[in-house]
C-alpha cells in the first residue's frame, strides 16, 4: 500500500510538471505559473522548489524582473552547495534581470561572484557591459582579461 501511494505521488507530480512545462512551452504563462505554484506548494514534493527557476523564467519573459529575481533567489535556497554549476546558472539569470532593469551595480555583484568561482565567456561579456554602463574603465580592462582567461578555458575544453 505504501509503494502504491509513492507511485501515485510520483505520477501526480509527473503529470502536473508535464502540464506546466507544456503550458510554458506554448506561452500560456498564467496556466503554467498556476500549475508550477501548486507543485511547489505541495509538501509531498520535497525538491519541487527548484521549479521556481521555471517560474522565474516565465516572469523574466514577461519582463516582470523583480518577481523573476525573487523566484530565482528562492530556487537558489533549494539548490545544495554541491550544485555549483546550477547555482551559478541561476545567478547569471539574476544578474541578467538586474541588467535589464538598469540596476548595474546589482548585476555586477552577481556576475563578479560567478566570474570568481565559475568563469565563462557569456558572464564575462555581461560583466563588461555593466562596467561600461557604469563608466568604470579600470574594471573593464580587468574584466576583459578575466573574460579572455575564460575563453582560453572554454577553447581548451573544445580542443582537448
C-alpha atoms as a PDB file:
ATOM      1  CA  UNK A   1       0.000   0.000   0.000  1.00  0.00           C
ATOM      2  CA  UNK A   2       2.902   2.348   0.838  1.00  0.00           C
ATOM      3  CA  UNK A   3       4.541   1.640  -2.516  1.00  0.00           C
ATOM      4  CA  UNK A   4       1.283   2.313  -4.354  1.00  0.00           C
ATOM      5  CA  UNK A   5       0.976   5.652  -2.551  1.00  0.00           C
ATOM      6  CA  UNK A   6       4.538   6.512  -3.564  1.00  0.00           C
ATOM      7  CA  UNK A   7       3.816   5.655  -7.202  1.00  0.00           C
ATOM      8  CA  UNK A   8       0.663   7.817  -7.125  1.00  0.00           C
ATOM      9  CA  UNK A   9       2.625  10.776  -5.730  1.00  0.00           C
ATOM     10  CA  UNK A  10       5.308  10.383  -8.405  1.00  0.00           C
ATOM     11  CA  UNK A  11       2.718  10.022 -11.146  1.00  0.00           C
ATOM     12  CA  UNK A  12       0.758  13.055  -9.956  1.00  0.00           C
ATOM     13  CA  UNK A  13       3.964  15.096  -9.852  1.00  0.00           C
ATOM     14  CA  UNK A  14       4.949  13.956 -13.349  1.00  0.00           C
ATOM     15  CA  UNK A  15       1.570  14.820 -14.831  1.00  0.00           C
ATOM     16  CA  UNK A  16       1.462  18.253 -13.169  1.00  0.00           C
ATOM     17  CA  UNK A  17       5.066  19.022 -14.132  1.00  0.00           C
ATOM     18  CA  UNK A  18       4.473  17.977 -17.742  1.00  0.00           C
ATOM     19  CA  UNK A  19       1.301  20.082 -17.912  1.00  0.00           C
ATOM     20  CA  UNK A  20       3.127  23.143 -16.532  1.00  0.00           C
ATOM     21  CA  UNK A  21       6.021  22.588 -18.933  1.00  0.00           C
ATOM     22  CA  UNK A  22       3.667  22.327 -21.915  1.00  0.00           C
ATOM     23  CA  UNK A  23       1.802  25.481 -20.893  1.00  0.00           C
ATOM     24  CA  UNK A  24       5.135  27.271 -20.609  1.00  0.00           C
ATOM     25  CA  UNK A  25       6.292  25.983 -23.997  1.00  0.00           C
ATOM     26  CA  UNK A  26       3.243  27.393 -25.799  1.00  0.00           C
ATOM     27  CA  UNK A  27       3.308  30.705 -23.939  1.00  0.00           C
ATOM     28  CA  UNK A  28       0.308  30.050 -21.720  1.00  0.00           C
ATOM     29  CA  UNK A  29       2.119  31.817 -18.868  1.00  0.00           C
ATOM     30  CA  UNK A  30      -0.640  32.139 -16.290  1.00  0.00           C
ATOM     31  CA  UNK A  31      -1.666  28.493 -16.510  1.00  0.00           C
ATOM     32  CA  UNK A  32       1.980  27.422 -16.289  1.00  0.00           C
ATOM     33  CA  UNK A  33       2.557  29.634 -13.228  1.00  0.00           C
ATOM     34  CA  UNK A  34      -0.588  28.329 -11.542  1.00  0.00           C
ATOM     35  CA  UNK A  35       0.448  24.722 -12.117  1.00  0.00           C
ATOM     36  CA  UNK A  36       4.062  25.286 -11.035  1.00  0.00           C
ATOM     37  CA  UNK A  37       2.787  27.059  -7.914  1.00  0.00           C
ATOM     38  CA  UNK A  38       0.563  24.140  -6.984  1.00  0.00           C
ATOM     39  CA  UNK A  39       3.516  21.761  -7.355  1.00  0.00           C
ATOM     40  CA  UNK A  40       5.862  23.962  -5.318  1.00  0.00           C
ATOM     41  CA  UNK A  41       3.323  24.380  -2.506  1.00  0.00           C
ATOM     42  CA  UNK A  42       2.747  20.627  -2.212  1.00  0.00           C
ATOM     43  CA  UNK A  43       4.897  19.354   0.660  1.00  0.00           C
ATOM     44  CA  UNK A  44       4.878  15.829  -0.818  1.00  0.00           C
ATOM     45  CA  UNK A  45       7.331  17.022  -3.471  1.00  0.00           C
ATOM     46  CA  UNK A  46      10.462  17.899  -1.450  1.00  0.00           C
ATOM     47  CA  UNK A  47      12.615  19.078  -4.387  1.00  0.00           C
ATOM     48  CA  UNK A  48       9.910  20.991  -6.214  1.00  0.00           C
ATOM     49  CA  UNK A  49      11.239  24.350  -5.017  1.00  0.00           C
ATOM     50  CA  UNK A  50      13.728  24.133  -7.854  1.00  0.00           C
ATOM     51  CA  UNK A  51      10.814  24.683 -10.214  1.00  0.00           C
ATOM     52  CA  UNK A  52      10.929  28.307  -9.107  1.00  0.00           C
ATOM     53  CA  UNK A  53      13.621  28.672 -11.792  1.00  0.00           C
ATOM     54  CA  UNK A  54      10.961  27.850 -14.385  1.00  0.00           C
ATOM     55  CA  UNK A  55       8.626  30.337 -12.722  1.00  0.00           C
ATOM     56  CA  UNK A  56      11.405  32.932 -12.720  1.00  0.00           C
ATOM     57  CA  UNK A  57      11.969  32.314 -16.425  1.00  0.00           C
ATOM     58  CA  UNK A  58       8.292  32.996 -17.133  1.00  0.00           C
ATOM     59  CA  UNK A  59       8.353  36.242 -15.145  1.00  0.00           C
ATOM     60  CA  UNK A  60      11.563  37.180 -16.958  1.00  0.00           C
ATOM     61  CA  UNK A  61       9.891  36.622 -20.332  1.00  0.00           C
ATOM     62  CA  UNK A  62       7.017  38.811 -19.142  1.00  0.00           C
ATOM     63  CA  UNK A  63       9.589  41.476 -18.181  1.00  0.00           C
ATOM     64  CA  UNK A  64       8.495  41.222 -14.532  1.00  0.00           C
ATOM     65  CA  UNK A  65      12.122  41.293 -13.458  1.00  0.00           C
ATOM     66  CA  UNK A  66      11.724  41.889  -9.688  1.00  0.00           C
ATOM     67  CA  UNK A  67       9.418  38.865  -9.418  1.00  0.00           C
ATOM     68  CA  UNK A  68      11.791  36.819 -11.591  1.00  0.00           C
ATOM     69  CA  UNK A  69      14.670  37.701  -9.244  1.00  0.00           C
ATOM     70  CA  UNK A  70      12.569  36.693  -6.256  1.00  0.00           C
ATOM     71  CA  UNK A  71      11.814  33.308  -7.833  1.00  0.00           C
ATOM     72  CA  UNK A  72      15.458  32.746  -8.799  1.00  0.00           C
ATOM     73  CA  UNK A  73      16.605  33.550  -5.264  1.00  0.00           C
ATOM     74  CA  UNK A  74      14.017  31.216  -3.778  1.00  0.00           C
ATOM     75  CA  UNK A  75      15.259  28.492  -6.136  1.00  0.00           C
ATOM     76  CA  UNK A  76      18.857  29.165  -5.042  1.00  0.00           C
ATOM     77  CA  UNK A  77      17.773  28.384  -1.481  1.00  0.00           C
ATOM     78  CA  UNK A  78      16.731  24.918  -2.688  1.00  0.00           C
ATOM     79  CA  UNK A  79      19.959  24.069  -4.527  1.00  0.00           C
ATOM     80  CA  UNK A  80      22.599  22.394  -2.355  1.00  0.00           C
ATOM     81  CA  UNK A  81      26.067  23.934  -2.233  1.00  0.00           C
ATOM     82  CA  UNK A  82      27.321  20.897  -4.162  1.00  0.00           C
ATOM     83  CA  UNK A  83      25.282  22.024  -7.183  1.00  0.00           C
ATOM     84  CA  UNK A  84      27.685  24.846  -8.001  1.00  0.00           C
ATOM     85  CA  UNK A  85      27.123  24.853 -11.766  1.00  0.00           C
ATOM     86  CA  UNK A  86      23.354  25.074 -11.340  1.00  0.00           C
ATOM     87  CA  UNK A  87      23.711  27.784  -8.701  1.00  0.00           C
ATOM     88  CA  UNK A  88      25.886  29.894 -10.999  1.00  0.00           C
ATOM     89  CA  UNK A  89      23.470  29.492 -13.919  1.00  0.00           C
ATOM     90  CA  UNK A  90      20.672  30.786 -11.710  1.00  0.00           C
ATOM     91  CA  UNK A  91      22.909  33.619 -10.502  1.00  0.00           C
ATOM     92  CA  UNK A  92      23.534  34.542 -14.151  1.00  0.00           C
ATOM     93  CA  UNK A  93      19.763  34.830 -14.598  1.00  0.00           C
ATOM     94  CA  UNK A  94      19.613  37.105 -11.541  1.00  0.00           C
ATOM     95  CA  UNK A  95      22.380  39.267 -12.996  1.00  0.00           C
ATOM     96  CA  UNK A  96      20.632  39.484 -16.359  1.00  0.00           C
ATOM     97  CA  UNK A  97      17.354  40.540 -14.713  1.00  0.00           C
ATOM     98  CA  UNK A  98      19.174  43.306 -12.818  1.00  0.00           C
ATOM     99  CA  UNK A  99      20.882  44.307 -16.071  1.00  0.00           C
ATOM    100  CA  UNK A 100      17.549  44.561 -17.881  1.00  0.00           C
ATOM    101  CA  UNK A 101      16.263  46.835 -15.107  1.00  0.00           C
ATOM    102  CA  UNK A 102      19.343  49.052 -15.406  1.00  0.00           C
ATOM    103  CA  UNK A 103      20.491  48.106 -11.904  1.00  0.00           C
ATOM    104  CA  UNK A 104      24.085  47.648 -12.989  1.00  0.00           C
ATOM    105  CA  UNK A 105      25.729  47.540  -9.528  1.00  0.00           C
ATOM    106  CA  UNK A 106      23.445  44.644  -8.531  1.00  0.00           C
ATOM    107  CA  UNK A 107      24.145  42.890 -11.833  1.00  0.00           C
ATOM    108  CA  UNK A 108      27.883  43.378 -11.238  1.00  0.00           C
ATOM    109  CA  UNK A 109      27.575  41.657  -7.836  1.00  0.00           C
ATOM    110  CA  UNK A 110      26.061  38.559  -9.443  1.00  0.00           C
ATOM    111  CA  UNK A 111      28.467  38.483 -12.373  1.00  0.00           C
ATOM    112  CA  UNK A 112      31.594  39.065 -10.264  1.00  0.00           C
ATOM    113  CA  UNK A 113      30.630  36.191  -7.969  1.00  0.00           C
ATOM    114  CA  UNK A 114      30.252  33.894 -10.965  1.00  0.00           C
ATOM    115  CA  UNK A 115      33.498  35.046 -12.593  1.00  0.00           C
ATOM    116  CA  UNK A 116      35.397  34.466  -9.333  1.00  0.00           C
ATOM    117  CA  UNK A 117      34.117  30.916  -8.979  1.00  0.00           C
ATOM    118  CA  UNK A 118      32.893  29.532 -12.291  1.00  0.00           C
ATOM    119  CA  UNK A 119      34.038  31.898 -15.064  1.00  0.00           C
ATOM    120  CA  UNK A 120      32.514  31.706 -18.525  1.00  0.00           C
ATOM    121  CA  UNK A 121      32.572  33.964 -21.564  1.00  0.00           C
ATOM    122  CA  UNK A 122      28.878  34.894 -21.533  1.00  0.00           C
ATOM    123  CA  UNK A 123      29.045  36.082 -17.933  1.00  0.00           C
ATOM    124  CA  UNK A 124      32.340  37.861 -18.593  1.00  0.00           C
ATOM    125  CA  UNK A 125      30.826  39.723 -21.520  1.00  0.00           C
ATOM    126  CA  UNK A 126      27.760  40.727 -19.483  1.00  0.00           C
ATOM    127  CA  UNK A 127      30.074  41.941 -16.719  1.00  0.00           C
ATOM    128  CA  UNK A 128      31.994  44.046 -19.250  1.00  0.00           C
ATOM    129  CA  UNK A 129      28.727  45.625 -20.404  1.00  0.00           C
ATOM    130  CA  UNK A 130      27.897  46.511 -16.808  1.00  0.00           C
ATOM    131  CA  UNK A 131      31.306  48.088 -16.253  1.00  0.00           C
ATOM    132  CA  UNK A 132      30.849  50.036 -19.494  1.00  0.00           C
ATOM    133  CA  UNK A 133      27.394  51.243 -18.398  1.00  0.00           C
ATOM    134  CA  UNK A 134      28.911  52.343 -15.078  1.00  0.00           C
ATOM    135  CA  UNK A 135      31.820  54.062 -16.852  1.00  0.00           C
ATOM    136  CA  UNK A 136      34.475  52.085 -14.952  1.00  0.00           C
ATOM    137  CA  UNK A 137      37.385  51.797 -17.399  1.00  0.00           C
ATOM    138  CA  UNK A 138      39.771  50.073 -14.974  1.00  0.00           C
ATOM    139  CA  UNK A 139      37.300  47.336 -14.157  1.00  0.00           C
ATOM    140  CA  UNK A 140      36.562  46.982 -17.875  1.00  0.00           C
ATOM    141  CA  UNK A 141      40.251  46.243 -18.516  1.00  0.00           C
ATOM    142  CA  UNK A 142      40.451  43.757 -15.646  1.00  0.00           C
ATOM    143  CA  UNK A 143      37.131  42.160 -16.656  1.00  0.00           C
ATOM    144  CA  UNK A 144      38.267  41.837 -20.255  1.00  0.00           C
ATOM    145  CA  UNK A 145      41.396  39.962 -19.159  1.00  0.00           C
ATOM    146  CA  UNK A 146      39.315  37.668 -16.965  1.00  0.00           C
ATOM    147  CA  UNK A 147      36.946  37.020 -19.879  1.00  0.00           C
ATOM    148  CA  UNK A 148      39.911  36.151 -22.099  1.00  0.00           C
ATOM    149  CA  UNK A 149      41.019  33.665 -19.457  1.00  0.00           C
ATOM    150  CA  UNK A 150      37.560  32.094 -19.515  1.00  0.00           C
ATOM    151  CA  UNK A 151      37.717  31.959 -23.318  1.00  0.00           C
ATOM    152  CA  UNK A 152      41.013  30.090 -23.105  1.00  0.00           C
ATOM    153  CA  UNK A 153      39.482  27.565 -20.711  1.00  0.00           C
ATOM    154  CA  UNK A 154      36.433  27.051 -22.935  1.00  0.00           C
ATOM    155  CA  UNK A 155      38.567  26.733 -26.079  1.00  0.00           C
ATOM    156  CA  UNK A 156      40.987  24.265 -24.500  1.00  0.00           C
ATOM    157  CA  UNK A 157      37.997  22.175 -23.448  1.00  0.00           C
ATOM    158  CA  UNK A 158      36.802  22.114 -27.052  1.00  0.00           C
ATOM    159  CA  UNK A 159      40.225  21.278 -28.468  1.00  0.00           C
ATOM    160  CA  UNK A 160      41.308  18.680 -25.911  1.00  0.00           C
END
